[in-house]
C-alpha atoms as a PDB file:
ATOM      1  CA  MET A   1     193.147 103.711  59.875  1.00  0.00           C
ATOM      2  CA  ARG A   2     191.969 102.114  56.179  1.00  0.00           C
ATOM      3  CA  GLN A   3     194.553 102.097  54.961  1.00  0.00           C
ATOM      4  CA  ILE A   4     196.299 100.110  57.487  1.00  0.00           C
ATOM      5  CA  VAL A   5     193.302  97.944  57.571  1.00  0.00           C
ATOM      6  CA  ALA A   6     193.491  97.355  54.344  1.00  0.00           C
ATOM      7  CA  ILE A   7     197.454  96.126  54.772  1.00  0.00           C
ATOM      8  CA  ALA A   8     196.715  93.945  57.545  1.00  0.00           C
ATOM      9  CA  GLU A   9     193.885  92.047  55.391  1.00  0.00           C
ATOM     10  CA  ARG A  10     196.129  91.743  52.541  1.00  0.00           C
ATOM     11  CA  GLN A  11     198.585  89.054  54.911  1.00  0.00           C
ATOM     12  CA  ALA A  12     198.091  85.675  53.414  1.00  0.00           C
ATOM     13  CA  ASP A  13     199.695  83.405  56.269  1.00  0.00           C
ATOM     14  CA  LEU A  14     198.237  85.519  59.768  1.00  0.00           C
ATOM     15  CA  GLU A  15     200.941  83.874  61.729  1.00  0.00           C
ATOM     16  CA  ALA A  16     203.765  85.689  60.107  1.00  0.00           C
ATOM     17  CA  PHE A  17     202.005  88.935  59.905  1.00  0.00           C
ATOM     18  CA  LEU A  18     201.915  87.759  63.844  1.00  0.00           C
ATOM     19  CA  ALA A  19     205.818  87.264  64.681  1.00  0.00           C
ATOM     20  CA  VAL A  20     206.484  91.145  62.819  1.00  0.00           C
ATOM     21  CA  SER A  21     203.951  92.618  63.643  1.00  0.00           C
ATOM     22  CA  LYS A  22     206.369  93.963  67.072  1.00  0.00           C
ATOM     23  CA  VAL A  23     209.238  95.888  65.790  1.00  0.00           C
ATOM     24  CA  ASP A  24     212.179  96.717  68.545  1.00  0.00           C
ATOM     25  CA  PRO A  25     212.306 100.790  67.846  1.00  0.00           C
ATOM     26  CA  ALA A  26     216.687 100.269  68.266  1.00  0.00           C
ATOM     27  CA  SER A  27     216.559  98.307  64.647  1.00  0.00           C
ATOM     28  CA  SER A  28     214.352 100.679  63.357  1.00  0.00           C
ATOM     29  CA  LYS A  29     215.938 103.251  60.966  1.00  0.00           C
ATOM     30  CA  PRO A  30     216.467 106.734  62.074  1.00  0.00           C
ATOM     31  CA  GLN A  31     213.142 109.025  60.241  1.00  0.00           C
ATOM     32  CA  VAL A  32     215.941 112.500  60.908  1.00  0.00           C
ATOM     33  CA  ASP A  33     216.752 114.380  57.813  1.00  0.00           C
ATOM     34  CA  LYS A  34     219.770 116.797  58.320  1.00  0.00           C
ATOM     35  CA  ARG A  35     219.955 119.928  56.122  1.00  0.00           C
ATOM     36  CA  GLY A  36     222.711 121.790  57.309  1.00  0.00           C
ATOM     37  CA  ASP A  37     222.845 122.099  61.197  1.00  0.00           C
ATOM     38  CA  THR A  38     219.670 121.759  61.334  1.00  0.00           C
ATOM     39  CA  ALA A  39     217.223 117.932  62.043  1.00  0.00           C
ATOM     40  CA  ILE A  40     214.328 117.763  60.357  1.00  0.00           C
ATOM     41  CA  ILE A  41     212.243 114.550  62.202  1.00  0.00           C
ATOM     42  CA  PRO A  42     208.273 113.941  60.605  1.00  0.00           C
ATOM     43  CA  VAL A  43     205.130 113.752  62.391  1.00  0.00           C
ATOM     44  CA  ARG A  44     203.301 111.875  59.572  1.00  0.00           C
ATOM     45  CA  GLY A  45     200.472 110.208  59.726  1.00  0.00           C
ATOM     46  CA  PRO A  46     198.173 107.942  62.392  1.00  0.00           C
ATOM     47  CA  ILE A  47     200.113 108.815  65.666  1.00  0.00           C
ATOM     48  CA  PHE A  48     200.354 105.277  68.439  1.00  0.00           C
ATOM     49  CA  ARG A  49     201.982 104.528  70.785  1.00  0.00           C
ATOM     50  CA  TYR A  50     204.213 102.034  70.120  1.00  0.00           C
ATOM     51  CA  ALA A  51     206.299 101.077  66.880  1.00  0.00           C
ATOM     52  CA  ASN A  52     205.313  98.022  65.432  1.00  0.00           C
ATOM     53  CA  LEU A  53     204.929  97.367  61.526  1.00  0.00           C
ATOM     54  CA  LEU A  54     201.612  98.671  60.883  1.00  0.00           C
ATOM     55  CA  THR A  55     203.183 101.917  62.025  1.00  0.00           C
ATOM     56  CA  ASN A  56     206.458 101.053  59.694  1.00  0.00           C
ATOM     57  CA  VAL A  57     204.882 100.056  56.658  1.00  0.00           C
ATOM     58  CA  SER A  58     201.781 102.621  56.770  1.00  0.00           C
ATOM     59  CA  GLY A  59     203.029 106.417  57.123  1.00  0.00           C
ATOM     60  CA  ALA A  60     202.261 106.174  60.541  1.00  0.00           C
ATOM     61  CA  THR A  61     204.483 107.898  63.442  1.00  0.00           C
ATOM     62  CA  SER A  62     205.266 106.102  66.528  1.00  0.00           C
ATOM     63  CA  VAL A  63     205.395 108.236  69.813  1.00  0.00           C
ATOM     64  CA  GLN A  64     208.226 105.847  70.461  1.00  0.00           C
ATOM     65  CA  VAL A  65     210.284 106.218  67.704  1.00  0.00           C
ATOM     66  CA  LEU A  66     209.663 109.471  67.476  1.00  0.00           C
ATOM     67  CA  ALA A  67     210.800 110.521  70.863  1.00  0.00           C
ATOM     68  CA  ARG A  68     214.166 108.009  70.554  1.00  0.00           C
ATOM     69  CA  ASP A  69     214.575 110.083  67.409  1.00  0.00           C
ATOM     70  CA  ILE A  70     214.161 114.078  69.372  1.00  0.00           C
ATOM     71  CA  ALA A  71     216.196 112.747  71.507  1.00  0.00           C
ATOM     72  CA  ALA A  72     219.811 111.409  69.000  1.00  0.00           C
ATOM     73  CA  ALA A  73     219.073 115.029  67.394  1.00  0.00           C
ATOM     74  CA  GLU A  74     219.735 117.102  70.975  1.00  0.00           C
ATOM     75  CA  ALA A  75     222.436 114.551  72.084  1.00  0.00           C
ATOM     76  CA  ASP A  76     224.044 115.652  68.055  1.00  0.00           C
ATOM     77  CA  PRO A  77     226.547 117.268  68.868  1.00  0.00           C
ATOM     78  CA  ALA A  78     226.788 118.655  65.252  1.00  0.00           C
ATOM     79  CA  VAL A  79     222.219 119.882  65.170  1.00  0.00           C
ATOM     80  CA  ARG A  80     221.798 123.586  65.737  1.00  0.00           C
ATOM     81  CA  ALA A  81     218.183 122.867  65.719  1.00  0.00           C
ATOM     82  CA  ILE A  82     215.727 120.609  65.535  1.00  0.00           C
ATOM     83  CA  VAL A  83     212.430 121.093  63.598  1.00  0.00           C
ATOM     84  CA  LEU A  84     209.368 119.134  63.587  1.00  0.00           C
ATOM     85  CA  ALA A  85     207.620 118.316  60.421  1.00  0.00           C
ATOM     86  CA  VAL A  86     204.235 117.747  60.767  1.00  0.00           C
ATOM     87  CA  ASP A  87     201.513 116.907  58.049  1.00  0.00           C
ATOM     88  CA  SER A  88     199.393 113.926  61.329  1.00  0.00           C
ATOM     89  CA  PRO A  89     195.494 113.653  62.229  1.00  0.00           C
ATOM     90  CA  GLY A  90     196.458 113.161  65.695  1.00  0.00           C
ATOM     91  CA  GLY A  91     195.511 109.583  66.962  1.00  0.00           C
ATOM     92  CA  GLN A  92     195.542 108.158  69.748  1.00  0.00           C
ATOM     93  CA  ALA A  93     196.079 110.219  73.402  1.00  0.00           C
ATOM     94  CA  ALA A  94     198.347 107.042  75.186  1.00  0.00           C
ATOM     95  CA  GLY A  95     202.173 108.565  75.556  1.00  0.00           C
ATOM     96  CA  ILE A  96     201.908 112.377  74.279  1.00  0.00           C
ATOM     97  CA  ALA A  97     201.902 114.040  77.450  1.00  0.00           C
ATOM     98  CA  ASP A  98     204.868 112.295  78.450  1.00  0.00           C
ATOM     99  CA  LEU A  99     206.041 113.358  74.957  1.00  0.00           C
ATOM    100  CA  VAL A 100     205.805 117.019  75.067  1.00  0.00           C
ATOM    101  CA  SER A 101     207.586 117.129  79.149  1.00  0.00           C
ATOM    102  CA  THR A 102     209.728 115.757  76.864  1.00  0.00           C
ATOM    103  CA  ILE A 103     209.577 118.407  73.818  1.00  0.00           C
ATOM    104  CA  LYS A 104     208.856 121.549  76.806  1.00  0.00           C
ATOM    105  CA  ALA A 105     212.960 120.372  78.539  1.00  0.00           C
ATOM    106  CA  ILE A 106     214.873 120.129  74.859  1.00  0.00           C
ATOM    107  CA  GLU A 107     217.448 123.245  75.770  1.00  0.00           C
ATOM    108  CA  LYS A 108     218.104 123.379  71.050  1.00  0.00           C
ATOM    109  CA  PRO A 109     215.260 125.731  68.976  1.00  0.00           C
ATOM    110  CA  ILE A 110     212.728 123.531  68.174  1.00  0.00           C
ATOM    111  CA  THR A 111     209.985 124.911  66.424  1.00  0.00           C
ATOM    112  CA  ALA A 112     206.366 122.563  64.322  1.00  0.00           C
ATOM    113  CA  TYR A 113     206.618 123.872  60.550  1.00  0.00           C
ATOM    114  CA  VAL A 114     202.570 122.396  59.651  1.00  0.00           C
ATOM    115  CA  ASP A 115     202.240 122.039  55.739  1.00  0.00           C
ATOM    116  CA  ASN A 116     198.982 120.131  55.323  1.00  0.00           C
ATOM    117  CA  GLN A 117     197.079 119.668  58.710  1.00  0.00           C
ATOM    118  CA  ALA A 118     198.357 118.806  63.025  1.00  0.00           C
ATOM    119  CA  ALA A 119     195.302 117.487  64.569  1.00  0.00           C
ATOM    120  CA  SER A 120     194.541 116.355  67.768  1.00  0.00           C
ATOM    121  CA  ALA A 121     197.287 114.573  69.156  1.00  0.00           C
ATOM    122  CA  ALA A 122     200.251 116.185  66.758  1.00  0.00           C
ATOM    123  CA  TYR A 123     198.620 118.940  67.951  1.00  0.00           C
ATOM    124  CA  TRP A 124     199.616 118.919  71.029  1.00  0.00           C
ATOM    125  CA  LEU A 125     203.247 117.910  70.013  1.00  0.00           C
ATOM    126  CA  ALA A 126     203.358 120.949  67.609  1.00  0.00           C
ATOM    127  CA  ALA A 127     202.088 122.786  70.376  1.00  0.00           C
ATOM    128  CA  ALA A 128     204.221 121.956  72.877  1.00  0.00           C
ATOM    129  CA  THR A 129     207.534 123.654  70.001  1.00  0.00           C
ATOM    130  CA  SER A 130     208.748 126.946  70.736  1.00  0.00           C
ATOM    131  CA  GLU A 131     207.236 127.857  67.478  1.00  0.00           C
ATOM    132  CA  VAL A 132     203.981 126.865  65.402  1.00  0.00           C
ATOM    133  CA  VAL A 133     204.425 128.093  61.522  1.00  0.00           C
ATOM    134  CA  ILE A 134     202.242 126.936  59.107  1.00  0.00           C
ATOM    135  CA  SER A 135     201.798 127.270  55.390  1.00  0.00           C
ATOM    136  CA  ARG A 136     198.727 129.459  54.266  1.00  0.00           C
ATOM    137  CA  ALA A 137     197.116 126.099  53.379  1.00  0.00           C
ATOM    138  CA  ALA A 138     197.354 124.044  56.506  1.00  0.00           C
ATOM    139  CA  LEU A 139     195.232 123.168  58.646  1.00  0.00           C
ATOM    140  CA  VAL A 140     195.965 122.784  62.246  1.00  0.00           C
ATOM    141  CA  GLY A 141     193.149 122.233  66.088  1.00  0.00           C
ATOM    142  CA  ASN A 142     191.020 119.827  66.725  1.00  0.00           C
ATOM    143  CA  VAL A 143     191.592 119.996  69.751  1.00  0.00           C
ATOM    144  CA  GLY A 144     189.573 116.941  72.188  1.00  0.00           C
ATOM    145  CA  VAL A 145     188.827 113.953  72.666  1.00  0.00           C
ATOM    146  CA  ALA A 146     187.198 111.489  71.104  1.00  0.00           C
ATOM    147  CA  VAL A 147     186.139 107.891  71.468  1.00  0.00           C
ATOM    148  CA  SER A 148     185.154 105.357  69.311  1.00  0.00           C
ATOM    149  CA  ALA A 149     183.371 102.081  70.222  1.00  0.00           C
ATOM    150  CA  ASN A 150     181.016  99.163  68.872  1.00  0.00           C
ATOM    151  CA  VAL A 151     178.142  99.084  70.649  1.00  0.00           C
ATOM    152  CA  ASN A 152     176.511  95.501  69.784  1.00  0.00           C
ATOM    153  CA  LYS A 153     177.275  92.384  70.459  1.00  0.00           C
ATOM    154  CA  ARG A 154     179.957  90.197  68.553  1.00  0.00           C
ATOM    155  CA  ASP A 155     178.052  87.294  67.421  1.00  0.00           C
ATOM    156  CA  GLY A 156     179.052  83.517  69.216  1.00  0.00           C
ATOM    157  CA  ILE A 157     180.885  85.507  72.769  1.00  0.00           C
ATOM    158  CA  ILE A 158     178.993  85.692  76.315  1.00  0.00           C
ATOM    159  CA  GLU A 159     180.589  87.424  78.211  1.00  0.00           C
ATOM    160  CA  ILE A 160     179.681  87.462  82.551  1.00  0.00           C
ATOM    161  CA  VAL A 161     181.853  90.601  84.457  1.00  0.00           C
ATOM    162  CA  SER A 162     181.911  90.722  88.064  1.00  0.00           C
ATOM    163  CA  SER A 163     179.491  91.426  90.441  1.00  0.00           C
ATOM    164  CA  GLN A 164     181.465  93.637  91.732  1.00  0.00           C
ATOM    165  CA  SER A 165     183.121  95.440  89.396  1.00  0.00           C
ATOM    166  CA  PRO A 166     179.722  96.860  87.573  1.00  0.00           C
ATOM    167  CA  LYS A 167     181.549  99.624  85.139  1.00  0.00           C
ATOM    168  CA  LYS A 168     183.923  97.797  84.353  1.00  0.00           C
ATOM    169  CA  ARG A 169     182.247  97.145  81.113  1.00  0.00           C
ATOM    170  CA  PRO A 170     180.238 100.253  80.365  1.00  0.00           C
ATOM    171  CA  ASP A 171     177.095  99.050  78.266  1.00  0.00           C
ATOM    172  CA  LEU A 172     177.291 101.971  75.868  1.00  0.00           C
ATOM    173  CA  SER A 173     173.521 100.812  74.747  1.00  0.00           C
ATOM    174  CA  THR A 174     172.117 102.671  77.747  1.00  0.00           C
ATOM    175  CA  GLU A 175     172.533 105.953  79.101  1.00  0.00           C
ATOM    176  CA  ALA A 176     174.710 105.226  81.934  1.00  0.00           C
ATOM    177  CA  GLY A 177     177.213 103.359  79.693  1.00  0.00           C
ATOM    178  CA  ARG A 178     177.770 106.172  77.945  1.00  0.00           C
ATOM    179  CA  ALA A 179     177.320 109.348  80.403  1.00  0.00           C
ATOM    180  CA  GLN A 180     179.993 106.398  82.370  1.00  0.00           C
ATOM    181  CA  VAL A 181     182.942 106.770  79.016  1.00  0.00           C
ATOM    182  CA  GLN A 182     181.705 110.406  78.652  1.00  0.00           C
ATOM    183  CA  THR A 183     182.831 111.438  81.913  1.00  0.00           C
ATOM    184  CA  ILE A 184     186.260 109.805  80.894  1.00  0.00           C
ATOM    185  CA  VAL A 185     186.775 112.079  77.751  1.00  0.00           C
ATOM    186  CA  ASP A 186     185.795 114.574  78.525  1.00  0.00           C
ATOM    187  CA  ASP A 187     188.612 114.030  82.181  1.00  0.00           C
ATOM    188  CA  LEU A 188     191.532 113.442  79.115  1.00  0.00           C
ATOM    189  CA  ALA A 189     190.591 116.575  77.269  1.00  0.00           C
ATOM    190  CA  ALA A 190     190.501 118.965  79.979  1.00  0.00           C
ATOM    191  CA  VAL A 191     194.211 117.875  80.191  1.00  0.00           C
ATOM    192  CA  PHE A 192     194.563 118.931  76.030  1.00  0.00           C
ATOM    193  CA  ILE A 193     192.950 121.213  77.064  1.00  0.00           C
ATOM    194  CA  SER A 194     194.632 122.693  80.018  1.00  0.00           C
ATOM    195  CA  ASP A 195     198.477 121.617  78.654  1.00  0.00           C
ATOM    196  CA  ILE A 196     197.271 123.994  75.172  1.00  0.00           C
ATOM    197  CA  ALA A 197     196.696 126.720  77.133  1.00  0.00           C
ATOM    198  CA  ARG A 198     199.550 126.743  78.847  1.00  0.00           C
ATOM    199  CA  LEU A 199     201.536 126.046  75.609  1.00  0.00           C
ATOM    200  CA  ARG A 200     200.247 128.677  73.781  1.00  0.00           C
ATOM    201  CA  ASP A 201     200.360 130.950  75.829  1.00  0.00           C
ATOM    202  CA  LEU A 202     196.304 130.922  76.051  1.00  0.00           C
ATOM    203  CA  SER A 203     193.684 131.188  79.010  1.00  0.00           C
ATOM    204  CA  GLU A 204     191.579 127.923  79.121  1.00  0.00           C
ATOM    205  CA  LYS A 205     188.755 129.930  77.698  1.00  0.00           C
ATOM    206  CA  ALA A 206     190.083 130.961  75.288  1.00  0.00           C
ATOM    207  CA  VAL A 207     191.335 127.189  73.627  1.00  0.00           C
ATOM    208  CA  LEU A 208     187.932 126.389  74.983  1.00  0.00           C
ATOM    209  CA  ALA A 209     186.214 128.964  72.516  1.00  0.00           C
ATOM    210  CA  TRP A 210     187.866 126.726  69.555  1.00  0.00           C
ATOM    211  CA  GLU A 211     185.481 124.125  70.530  1.00  0.00           C
ATOM    212  CA  GLY A 212     187.341 121.209  69.183  1.00  0.00           C
ATOM    213  CA  ASP A 213     187.142 123.251  65.454  1.00  0.00           C
ATOM    214  CA  VAL A 214     190.126 123.950  62.857  1.00  0.00           C
ATOM    215  CA  ARG A 215     191.637 126.713  61.743  1.00  0.00           C
ATOM    216  CA  LEU A 216     192.933 127.741  58.615  1.00  0.00           C
ATOM    217  CA  GLY A 217     195.953 129.711  58.033  1.00  0.00           C
ATOM    218  CA  SER A 218     196.196 132.901  58.779  1.00  0.00           C
ATOM    219  CA  LYS A 219     192.693 132.672  60.420  1.00  0.00           C
ATOM    220  CA  ALA A 220     194.984 130.288  63.035  1.00  0.00           C
ATOM    221  CA  VAL A 221     197.435 132.567  64.270  1.00  0.00           C
ATOM    222  CA  ALA A 222     195.205 135.019  64.709  1.00  0.00           C
ATOM    223  CA  VAL A 223     192.453 132.627  67.196  1.00  0.00           C
ATOM    224  CA  GLY A 224     196.800 132.168  68.582  1.00  0.00           C
ATOM    225  CA  MET A 225     196.858 128.160  67.323  1.00  0.00           C
ATOM    226  CA  ALA A 226     199.915 128.998  64.966  1.00  0.00           C
ATOM    227  CA  ASP A 227     202.970 131.595  65.547  1.00  0.00           C
ATOM    228  CA  ARG A 228     202.971 132.644  61.742  1.00  0.00           C
ATOM    229  CA  ILE A 229     203.158 131.690  57.659  1.00  0.00           C
ATOM    230  CA  GLY A 230     206.031 130.697  56.353  1.00  0.00           C
ATOM    231  CA  ASN A 231     207.506 127.291  54.787  1.00  0.00           C
ATOM    232  CA  LEU A 232     210.339 124.862  55.582  1.00  0.00           C
ATOM    233  CA  THR A 233     212.387 126.895  53.514  1.00  0.00           C
ATOM    234  CA  GLU A 234     212.176 129.892  55.679  1.00  0.00           C
ATOM    235  CA  VAL A 235     212.125 127.803  59.136  1.00  0.00           C
ATOM    236  CA  ILE A 236     215.834 125.708  58.924  1.00  0.00           C
ATOM    237  CA  ARG A 237     217.201 129.280  58.019  1.00  0.00           C
ATOM    238  CA  GLY A 238     216.306 130.603  61.212  1.00  0.00           C
ATOM    239  CA  ARG A 239     213.897 133.339  60.437  1.00  0.00           C
ATOM    240  CA  PRO A 240     213.172 136.122  63.113  1.00  0.00           C
ATOM    241  CA  LEU A 241     210.059 134.375  65.160  1.00  0.00           C
ATOM    242  CA  VAL A 242     207.989 138.302  64.295  1.00  0.00           C
ATOM    243  CA  PRO A 243     208.606 138.435  60.603  1.00  0.00           C
ATOM    244  CA  ARG A 244     210.937 141.640  59.778  1.00  0.00           C
ATOM    245  CA  SER A 245     209.729 144.961  58.039  1.00  0.00           C
ATOM    246  CA  ASP A 246     209.400 144.214  54.152  1.00  0.00           C
ATOM    247  CA  GLN A 247     211.522 148.223  54.321  1.00  0.00           C
ATOM    248  CA  PRO A 248     214.875 148.007  56.503  1.00  0.00           C
ATOM    249  CA  ARG A 249     215.146 151.322  58.687  1.00  0.00           C
ATOM    250  CA  ALA A 250     218.085 153.254  57.621  1.00  0.00           C
ATOM    251  CA  VAL A 251     218.767 153.919  61.187  1.00  0.00           C
ATOM    252  CA  PRO A 252     218.911 152.000  64.525  1.00  0.00           C
ATOM    253  CA  VAL A 253     215.547 151.736  66.308  1.00  0.00           C
ATOM    254  CA  SER A 254     214.900 151.913  70.298  1.00  0.00           C
ATOM    255  CA  ALA A 255     214.593 149.289  72.005  1.00  0.00           C
ATOM    256  CA  THR A 256     210.863 150.566  72.590  1.00  0.00           C
ATOM    257  CA  GLN A 257     209.872 151.180  69.249  1.00  0.00           C
ATOM    258  CA  ALA A 258     211.551 147.761  68.316  1.00  0.00           C
ATOM    259  CA  PHE A 259     209.706 145.721  70.807  1.00  0.00           C
ATOM    260  CA  HIS A 260     206.639 147.711  69.975  1.00  0.00           C
ATOM    261  CA  ASP A 261     206.334 147.603  66.365  1.00  0.00           C
ATOM    262  CA  ALA A 262     206.595 143.486  67.341  1.00  0.00           C
ATOM    263  CA  VAL A 263     203.755 143.885  68.941  1.00  0.00           C
ATOM    264  CA  SER A 264     201.923 145.503  66.168  1.00  0.00           C
ATOM    265  CA  GLN A 265     203.163 141.917  63.972  1.00  0.00           C
ATOM    266  CA  TYR A 266     200.831 140.213  66.832  1.00  0.00           C
ATOM    267  CA  GLU A 267     197.723 142.696  66.265  1.00  0.00           C
ATOM    268  CA  ALA A 268     198.196 142.787  62.866  1.00  0.00           C
ATOM    269  CA  ALA A 269     197.447 138.697  62.592  1.00  0.00           C
ATOM    270  CA  GLY A 270     194.078 139.567  64.902  1.00  0.00           C
ATOM    271  CA  ARG A 271     195.127 138.969  68.646  1.00  0.00           C
ATOM    272  CA  SER A 272     194.756 141.475  71.350  1.00  0.00           C
ATOM    273  CA  ARG A 273     197.134 143.977  72.673  1.00  0.00           C
ATOM    274  CA  ALA A 274     197.663 141.679  76.117  1.00  0.00           C
ATOM    275  CA  ASP A 275     197.667 138.316  74.014  1.00  0.00           C
ATOM    276  CA  ALA A 276     200.432 140.308  71.136  1.00  0.00           C
ATOM    277  CA  ILE A 277     202.761 141.536  74.384  1.00  0.00           C
ATOM    278  CA  ARG A 278     203.164 137.932  76.289  1.00  0.00           C
ATOM    279  CA  MET A 279     203.725 136.308  72.933  1.00  0.00           C
ATOM    280  CA  VAL A 280     206.973 139.589  72.307  1.00  0.00           C
ATOM    281  CA  ALA A 281     207.896 138.377  75.812  1.00  0.00           C
ATOM    282  CA  ARG A 282     207.029 134.578  75.078  1.00  0.00           C
ATOM    283  CA  HIS A 283     209.840 134.584  71.690  1.00  0.00           C
ATOM    284  CA  GLN A 284     211.474 137.892  71.782  1.00  0.00           C
ATOM    285  CA  PRO A 285     212.865 136.950  75.620  1.00  0.00           C
ATOM    286  CA  ASP A 286     215.995 139.230  74.299  1.00  0.00           C
ATOM    287  CA  LEU A 287     213.477 142.300  73.055  1.00  0.00           C
ATOM    288  CA  HIS A 288     211.526 142.332  75.855  1.00  0.00           C
ATOM    289  CA  GLU A 289     214.511 142.451  78.404  1.00  0.00           C
ATOM    290  CA  ARG A 290     215.976 145.174  77.073  1.00  0.00           C
ATOM    291  CA  TYR A 291     212.373 147.226  76.440  1.00  0.00           C
ATOM    292  CA  LEU A 292     211.929 146.443  79.563  1.00  0.00           C
ATOM    293  CA  THR A 293     216.002 147.899  80.959  1.00  0.00           C
ATOM    294  CA  GLU A 294     214.780 151.240  78.735  1.00  0.00           C
ATOM    295  CA  VAL A 295     211.051 152.579  80.183  1.00  0.00           C
ATOM    296  CA  ASN A 296     213.047 151.952  83.334  1.00  0.00           C
ATOM    297  CA  GLY A 297     215.609 154.607  82.907  1.00  0.00           C
ATOM    298  CA  GLY A 298     218.331 151.805  82.883  1.00  0.00           C
END
């Protein structure tokens, strides 16, 4: 945000700045980077709902443009898979829930890769993909909502609020005013937490236990914030969701053995057995079906 303010302050002609500050997302260049049949879409910097000059020149992400680029990749017959390359501290919550629904509806495989951070609203988007892959040094999480406000009155401005609407302008210098805003923040956070629990196949209790904290690398995998450690090259190559054993098996294994091996991978990362089974069923549905068929005798 400091970077964006600095850019705004460098504008010598305010009228000229305002004239170009609204950017038509249809005219802005797509940020998609194609590598073979994989579309890589960046989610970088602070997240804002609409595209404007500041998002274009300061390295921020617009939900508006991001939705357009994801839809274009989904419609492109040359694209087999989509990767969201995330490095963002989060941003505005406005528009995020709708974009999450859009991502969940995409039929093509879509993965989030985090090489540095995916926090708050950025993590919300990442969690909507079929898999969250992070580098060993990446931070993810920060599930929660915060509101900042200046409680000092601006010099020379007097505001009179209609007596019928006493809560239109909460006075944050009072306990009642702060409580009013706290309720709004908590209600939005409840939507956020519920969504993360659903998207990550976790209980709300498990997400609440994070307390809005972030986790690094393997610790994030252990608590369910991410699925595995990896790098962008592996993601583009379409490596299996659950890493294979370092030593390939000399003989074919049964579906039951393969299923239990996959479950063990998640348990080794710190998941409970029940959670590990849910993750394998989610990420390897074919193996799960073969396992059920085998244990039920065909």
